[in-house]
Amino acid sequence: MRRREFISLLGGAVSWPLGATAQQRGVPVIGFLNSTSPDTITDRLRAFRGGLKEMGYVDGENVSTEYRWPDNQNDRLPVLVAELVHRKVAVIVTTGGTLPALAAKAATTTIPIVFGVGDDPVRLGLVATLARPGGNATGINFFLGELTAKRLELLRELVPAATRFAVLVNQANAKRAEATISDAEEAAHAKGLKIKVFTASTSGEIHAAFESLTRERPDALFVGSDPFFTVRRVQLATLAARHGLPASFASRDNVEVGGLMSYGTNINDAFRQVGVYTGRILNGEKPAELPVAQSTRFELVINLPTAKALGLSVPPSLLAVADEVIE
């Protein structure tokens, strides 16, 4: 990694003088707010910068970025976004769930906002309509919520005898948790399945949830889409394997560390799209007139060694449609 890239990843106090210098020499400054930490989304940051480059912007050359990372402490979001507003950045980019986007929207009605969210941005109040956002915010809808029924269907196909499903959500991300539970209940009811909800917003609560799962003995586990569960992916994969529990995730990141399967948006491509939209805003387009883009690239990833360890035989029908099979 080049020294310039390393410095830009650090964010926080180190980026403040860089942003101030950039503003002094007329280089636009991007405020980047993500709910996690830089070490968890290195590839996605690279994709974001790739999207910027498509629009003619190279971070550290003709644009500068100030990063803010609450490290999953969501109560810090208002303070961090207030810092970016105070710095008078040219545009605020929010990724890592709905909470950063909502914090930015609450903090400013004038600075353009480019969001990446998994829920309906109209329902969240971020935009008036998808076609004509009408305010200072626009961005990319990752479609994480809308895929709940499909994810449940794929998990049932992999574990055909399953009728009782556990659903794990992060109660600290209330809007996302509520949407996941609602969508899962609707999908389960349509298929004659039973679900029971478990919650966790800390590492300790994840362990406690799995202790409860051991007593309840569900047939499979549906892990809700949430940045926190991506950060804790190793813990989740390890506990699911230890308890012999087939689990479905929203992100391929979980499968790459031993999770059974995932189905969801290609997040790296979505971050690239966020970068493209940021560049378009910097080039003078107005967020009020820039339609919300919707992800079109989805991927099914299956971990064969994990399936074998769980005593599962992956149906040929799933193997045929999988975008990647980890062997």
Protein backbone atom coordinates (compact mmCIF):
# COMPACT_ATOMS: atom_id res chain seq x y z
CA MET A 1 0.00 0.00 0.00
CA ARG A 2 1.40 3.45 -0.94
CA ARG A 3 2.07 5.90 1.85
CA ARG A 4 -0.60 8.32 0.59
CA GLU A 5 -3.24 5.58 0.57
CA PHE A 6 -2.23 4.49 4.06
CA ILE A 7 -2.59 8.01 5.43
CA SER A 8 -5.97 8.47 3.80
CA LEU A 9 -7.24 5.26 5.39
CA LEU A 10 -6.41 6.41 8.89
CA GLY A 11 -9.06 9.12 8.98
CA GLY A 12 -9.71 10.90 12.25
CA ALA A 13 -7.35 13.60 13.40
CA VAL A 14 -4.67 12.77 10.81
CA SER A 15 -7.01 13.71 7.97
CA TRP A 16 -7.97 17.11 9.40
CA PRO A 17 -4.85 19.05 8.36
CA LEU A 18 -4.88 17.31 4.99
CA GLY A 19 -8.49 18.44 4.45
CA ALA A 20 -7.67 21.98 5.57
CA THR A 21 -4.71 22.12 3.18
CA ALA A 22 -6.86 20.80 0.36
CA GLN A 23 -9.49 23.45 0.95
CA GLN A 24 -6.81 26.18 1.01
CA ARG A 25 -5.54 25.16 -2.44
CA GLY A 26 -9.02 24.79 -3.90
CA VAL A 27 -9.20 20.99 -3.95
CA PRO A 28 -12.70 19.69 -3.04
CA VAL A 29 -12.95 17.71 0.17
CA ILE A 30 -15.17 14.65 0.58
CA GLY A 31 -16.45 13.76 4.03
CA PHE A 32 -16.72 9.96 4.30
CA LEU A 33 -18.78 8.52 7.16
CA ASN A 34 -19.00 4.76 7.72
CA SER A 35 -20.43 2.99 10.75
CA THR A 36 -17.55 0.51 11.14
CA SER A 37 -13.75 0.93 10.95
CA PRO A 38 -11.31 1.21 8.01
CA ASP A 39 -9.70 -2.20 8.46
CA THR A 40 -13.05 -3.93 7.85
CA ILE A 41 -13.79 -2.41 4.43
CA THR A 42 -10.40 -2.07 2.70
CA ASP A 43 -11.60 -3.61 -0.57
CA ARG A 44 -14.74 -1.48 -0.53
CA LEU A 45 -12.75 1.70 -0.05
CA ARG A 46 -10.66 0.70 -3.05
CA ALA A 47 -13.86 0.20 -5.06
CA PHE A 48 -15.17 3.60 -3.92
CA ARG A 49 -11.97 5.26 -5.10
CA GLY A 50 -12.26 3.37 -8.36
CA GLY A 51 -15.69 4.91 -8.92
CA LEU A 52 -14.28 8.37 -8.16
CA LYS A 53 -11.52 7.77 -10.69
CA GLU A 54 -14.08 6.89 -13.36
CA MET A 55 -15.39 10.43 -12.94
CA GLY A 56 -11.94 12.00 -13.11
CA TYR A 57 -11.05 12.26 -9.40
CA VAL A 58 -7.98 10.73 -7.77
CA ASP A 59 -7.91 10.85 -3.99
CA GLY A 60 -4.89 12.81 -2.80
CA GLU A 61 -4.38 14.54 -6.15
CA ASN A 62 -7.42 16.53 -7.26
CA VAL A 63 -9.70 15.60 -4.38
CA SER A 64 -9.16 14.96 -0.67
CA THR A 65 -11.16 12.75 1.71
CA GLU A 66 -11.74 13.13 5.43
CA TYR A 67 -12.84 9.86 7.05
CA ARG A 68 -14.91 9.37 10.18
CA TRP A 69 -15.23 5.95 11.84
CA PRO A 70 -17.44 5.38 14.91
CA ASP A 71 -16.34 1.72 15.07
CA ASN A 72 -19.95 0.52 15.48
CA GLN A 73 -20.62 3.02 18.28
CA ASN A 74 -23.66 4.51 16.60
CA ASP A 75 -24.20 7.14 19.27
CA ARG A 76 -21.05 8.87 17.96
CA LEU A 77 -22.50 9.39 14.48
CA PRO A 78 -24.11 12.82 15.14
CA VAL A 79 -20.84 14.18 16.54
CA LEU A 80 -18.78 12.84 13.65
CA VAL A 81 -21.10 14.15 10.96
CA ALA A 82 -21.21 17.52 12.75
CA GLU A 83 -17.42 17.66 12.39
CA LEU A 84 -17.75 17.17 8.63
CA VAL A 85 -20.43 19.86 8.40
CA HIS A 86 -18.20 22.22 10.39
CA ARG A 87 -15.32 21.50 7.99
CA LYS A 88 -17.64 22.58 5.14
CA VAL A 89 -16.84 19.55 3.00
CA ALA A 90 -18.06 19.58 -0.60
CA VAL A 91 -20.07 16.37 -0.23
CA ILE A 92 -20.79 13.87 2.55
CA VAL A 93 -20.64 10.18 1.66
CA THR A 94 -22.38 7.74 4.02
CA THR A 95 -21.99 3.97 3.90
CA GLY A 96 -22.28 1.10 6.35
CA GLY A 97 -26.04 1.03 6.88
CA THR A 98 -28.92 3.43 7.29
CA LEU A 99 -27.78 5.17 10.49
CA PRO A 100 -24.90 7.20 8.94
CA ALA A 101 -27.25 8.38 6.17
CA LEU A 102 -29.93 9.42 8.65
CA ALA A 103 -27.34 11.22 10.81
CA ALA A 104 -26.08 13.17 7.80
CA LYS A 105 -29.60 14.02 6.65
CA ALA A 106 -30.43 15.34 10.12
CA ALA A 107 -27.24 17.43 10.25
CA THR A 108 -27.48 19.41 7.01
CA THR A 109 -29.96 20.46 4.35
CA THR A 110 -27.37 22.19 2.18
CA ILE A 111 -24.28 19.98 1.83
CA PRO A 112 -24.88 17.28 -0.82
CA ILE A 113 -25.12 13.74 0.58
CA VAL A 114 -24.38 10.54 -1.35
CA PHE A 115 -25.62 7.49 0.57
CA GLY A 116 -25.36 3.76 0.23
CA VAL A 117 -28.24 2.09 2.06
CA GLY A 118 -29.86 -1.33 2.10
CA ASP A 119 -33.39 -0.15 2.86
CA ASP A 120 -35.88 1.86 0.83
CA PRO A 121 -34.56 5.46 0.97
CA VAL A 122 -38.08 6.82 0.42
CA ARG A 123 -39.39 4.93 3.44
CA LEU A 124 -36.39 6.14 5.43
CA GLY A 125 -37.20 9.74 4.56
CA LEU A 126 -33.90 10.33 2.78
CA VAL A 127 -35.53 11.25 -0.56
CA ALA A 128 -38.96 12.23 -1.83
CA THR A 129 -38.96 9.71 -4.68
CA LEU A 130 -36.36 7.47 -6.27
CA ALA A 131 -36.62 9.24 -9.63
CA ARG A 132 -36.48 12.78 -8.22
CA PRO A 133 -34.94 12.84 -4.73
CA GLY A 134 -35.88 16.51 -4.32
CA GLY A 135 -33.46 17.42 -1.52
CA ASN A 136 -29.75 17.37 -0.80
CA ALA A 137 -29.40 13.57 -0.77
CA THR A 138 -29.19 10.81 -3.37
CA GLY A 139 -27.23 7.60 -3.74
CA ILE A 140 -27.40 3.85 -4.12
CA ASN A 141 -29.97 1.37 -2.79
CA PHE A 142 -28.15 -1.90 -2.05
CA PHE A 143 -31.41 -3.90 -1.91
CA LEU A 144 -30.39 -5.79 1.24
CA GLY A 145 -33.87 -5.74 2.75
CA GLU A 146 -35.74 -6.75 -0.39
CA LEU A 147 -33.67 -9.94 -0.65
CA THR A 148 -34.84 -11.44 2.65
CA ALA A 149 -37.43 -13.73 1.06
CA LYS A 150 -34.95 -14.93 -1.58
CA ARG A 151 -32.29 -15.62 1.05
CA LEU A 152 -34.75 -17.64 3.12
CA GLU A 153 -35.78 -19.60 0.03
CA LEU A 154 -32.14 -20.43 -0.82
CA LEU A 155 -31.41 -21.53 2.76
CA ARG A 156 -34.46 -23.78 2.70
CA GLU A 157 -33.27 -25.27 -0.60
CA LEU A 158 -29.91 -26.09 0.97
CA VAL A 159 -31.55 -27.47 4.15
CA PRO A 160 -34.83 -28.90 2.74
CA ALA A 161 -35.93 -30.53 6.00
CA ALA A 162 -35.75 -27.22 7.89
CA THR A 163 -39.01 -25.81 9.23
CA ARG A 164 -37.83 -23.81 12.26
CA PHE A 165 -35.59 -20.85 11.54
CA ALA A 166 -33.80 -18.53 13.95
CA VAL A 167 -33.40 -14.91 12.81
CA LEU A 168 -30.54 -12.88 14.30
CA VAL A 169 -30.75 -9.06 14.17
CA ASN A 170 -28.87 -6.15 15.69
CA GLN A 171 -31.36 -4.33 17.90
CA ALA A 172 -29.05 -1.31 18.07
CA ASN A 173 -29.83 -0.71 14.40
CA ALA A 174 -33.56 -0.55 15.04
CA LYS A 175 -34.89 0.35 11.58
CA ARG A 176 -32.88 -2.38 9.87
CA ALA A 177 -33.80 -4.92 12.55
CA GLU A 178 -37.51 -4.12 12.31
CA ALA A 179 -37.46 -4.39 8.51
CA THR A 180 -35.62 -7.73 8.63
CA ILE A 181 -38.05 -9.20 11.16
CA SER A 182 -41.08 -8.00 9.19
CA ASP A 183 -39.75 -9.34 5.89
CA ALA A 184 -38.69 -12.66 7.45
CA GLU A 185 -42.06 -13.17 9.12
CA GLU A 186 -43.90 -12.48 5.86
CA ALA A 187 -41.66 -14.83 3.88
CA ALA A 188 -41.86 -17.58 6.53
CA HIS A 189 -45.65 -17.34 6.72
CA ALA A 190 -45.92 -17.71 2.94
CA LYS A 191 -43.87 -20.90 3.07
CA GLY A 192 -45.43 -22.38 6.21
CA LEU A 193 -42.23 -21.98 8.23
CA LYS A 194 -41.70 -20.88 11.82
CA ILE A 195 -39.21 -18.26 12.92
CA LYS A 196 -37.93 -17.02 16.26
CA VAL A 197 -36.01 -13.77 16.63
CA PHE A 198 -32.75 -13.40 18.53
CA THR A 199 -30.86 -10.15 19.06
CA ALA A 200 -27.24 -9.12 19.50
CA SER A 201 -25.41 -5.80 19.28
CA THR A 202 -22.13 -6.72 20.99
CA SER A 203 -19.68 -9.61 20.81
CA GLY A 204 -20.89 -10.84 24.20
CA GLU A 205 -24.50 -10.73 23.09
CA ILE A 206 -23.63 -12.84 20.04
CA HIS A 207 -22.23 -15.51 22.36
CA ALA A 208 -25.34 -15.27 24.53
CA ALA A 209 -27.57 -15.59 21.48
CA PHE A 210 -25.84 -18.80 20.42
CA GLU A 211 -26.25 -20.21 23.92
CA SER A 212 -29.97 -19.60 23.54
CA LEU A 213 -29.90 -21.13 20.07
CA THR A 214 -28.33 -24.26 21.53
CA ARG A 215 -31.31 -24.62 23.86
CA GLU A 216 -33.90 -23.79 21.19
CA ARG A 217 -32.30 -26.05 18.56
CA PRO A 218 -33.63 -24.39 15.36
CA ASP A 219 -33.00 -26.11 12.03
CA ALA A 220 -31.15 -23.16 10.51
CA LEU A 221 -30.06 -19.58 11.21
CA PHE A 222 -30.82 -16.50 9.14
CA VAL A 223 -28.40 -13.68 10.02
CA GLY A 224 -29.83 -10.26 9.23
CA SER A 225 -27.95 -7.84 6.99
CA ASP A 226 -26.10 -5.44 9.25
CA PRO A 227 -22.59 -3.89 9.18
CA PHE A 228 -21.98 -5.12 12.73
CA PHE A 229 -22.48 -8.74 11.67
CA THR A 230 -19.99 -8.26 8.85
CA VAL A 231 -17.44 -6.93 11.34
CA ARG A 232 -18.09 -9.95 13.61
CA ARG A 233 -18.06 -12.41 10.70
CA VAL A 234 -15.32 -14.67 12.10
CA GLN A 235 -17.10 -14.99 15.43
CA LEU A 236 -20.41 -15.79 13.72
CA ALA A 237 -18.91 -18.38 11.37
CA THR A 238 -17.00 -20.03 14.21
CA LEU A 239 -20.01 -20.27 16.51
CA ALA A 240 -22.30 -21.54 13.75
CA ALA A 241 -19.78 -24.29 12.94
CA ARG A 242 -19.25 -25.14 16.60
CA HIS A 243 -22.99 -25.55 17.15
CA GLY A 244 -23.57 -27.37 13.85
CA LEU A 245 -26.01 -24.72 12.69
CA PRO A 246 -26.51 -24.02 8.95
CA ALA A 247 -26.46 -20.24 8.56
CA SER A 248 -27.21 -17.79 5.77
CA PHE A 249 -25.60 -14.36 5.54
CA ALA A 250 -26.12 -11.24 3.46
CA SER A 251 -22.44 -10.73 2.58
CA ARG A 252 -19.85 -12.92 0.89
CA ASP A 253 -17.39 -11.67 3.55
CA ASN A 254 -19.02 -14.08 6.02
CA VAL A 255 -18.66 -17.03 3.66
CA GLU A 256 -15.02 -16.31 2.90
CA VAL A 257 -14.20 -16.87 6.60
CA GLY A 258 -16.17 -20.10 6.91
CA GLY A 259 -19.85 -19.16 6.81
CA LEU A 260 -22.11 -21.57 4.92
CA MET A 261 -23.76 -19.37 2.30
CA SER A 262 -24.61 -15.82 1.37
CA TYR A 263 -26.88 -14.10 -1.08
CA GLY A 264 -26.91 -10.38 -1.60
CA THR A 265 -25.70 -7.35 -3.46
CA ASN A 266 -22.16 -7.27 -4.76
CA ILE A 267 -21.11 -4.69 -2.18
CA ASN A 268 -17.82 -3.77 -3.84
CA ASP A 269 -19.71 -2.85 -7.00
CA ALA A 270 -22.20 -0.85 -4.94
CA PHE A 271 -19.34 1.10 -3.34
CA ARG A 272 -17.96 1.77 -6.82
CA GLN A 273 -21.36 3.21 -7.74
CA VAL A 274 -21.25 5.42 -4.62
CA GLY A 275 -17.89 6.70 -5.85
CA VAL A 276 -19.31 7.42 -9.30
CA TYR A 277 -22.22 9.37 -7.81
CA THR A 278 -19.83 11.34 -5.60
CA GLY A 279 -17.84 12.29 -8.67
CA ARG A 280 -21.00 13.35 -10.49
CA ILE A 281 -21.93 15.63 -7.59
CA LEU A 282 -18.42 17.11 -7.60
CA ASN A 283 -18.82 17.68 -11.34
CA GLY A 284 -21.84 19.89 -10.66
CA GLU A 285 -24.90 17.61 -10.80
CA LYS A 286 -27.56 18.30 -8.19
CA PRO A 287 -28.62 15.52 -5.79
CA ALA A 288 -32.22 16.71 -6.03
CA GLU A 289 -32.22 15.80 -9.74
CA LEU A 290 -29.96 12.73 -9.65
CA PRO A 291 -32.14 9.58 -9.42
CA VAL A 292 -31.35 7.02 -6.74
CA ALA A 293 -29.55 4.11 -8.40
CA GLN A 294 -30.45 0.54 -7.53
CA SER A 295 -27.96 -2.30 -7.39
CA THR A 296 -28.28 -4.80 -10.21
CA ARG A 297 -25.43 -7.20 -9.36
CA PHE A 298 -26.29 -9.93 -6.86
CA GLU A 299 -24.27 -12.98 -5.92
CA LEU A 300 -24.80 -16.37 -4.33
CA VAL A 301 -21.70 -17.76 -2.60
CA ILE A 302 -21.50 -21.24 -1.06
CA ASN A 303 -18.75 -22.71 1.12
CA LEU A 304 -18.49 -26.43 0.28
CA PRO A 305 -16.13 -27.44 3.15
CA THR A 306 -18.56 -25.87 5.63
CA ALA A 307 -21.50 -27.67 4.02
CA LYS A 308 -19.61 -30.96 4.25
CA ALA A 309 -18.72 -30.34 7.91
CA LEU A 310 -22.42 -29.77 8.61
CA GLY A 311 -23.36 -32.99 6.82
CA LEU A 312 -25.15 -31.13 4.02
CA SER A 313 -25.18 -32.12 0.38
CA VAL A 314 -25.47 -29.02 -1.80
CA PRO A 315 -28.14 -29.63 -4.47
CA PRO A 316 -26.93 -29.44 -8.09
CA SER A 317 -29.57 -26.77 -8.69
CA LEU A 318 -27.82 -24.45 -6.21
CA LEU A 319 -24.35 -25.24 -7.52
CA ALA A 320 -25.54 -24.38 -11.01
CA VAL A 321 -26.70 -20.89 -10.08
CA ALA A 322 -24.00 -20.05 -7.53
CA ASP A 323 -21.73 -17.18 -8.54
CA GLU A 324 -18.91 -18.67 -6.53
CA VAL A 325 -18.36 -22.00 -4.80
CA ILE A 326 -15.54 -22.02 -2.24
CA GLU A 327 -13.87 -25.43 -2.21
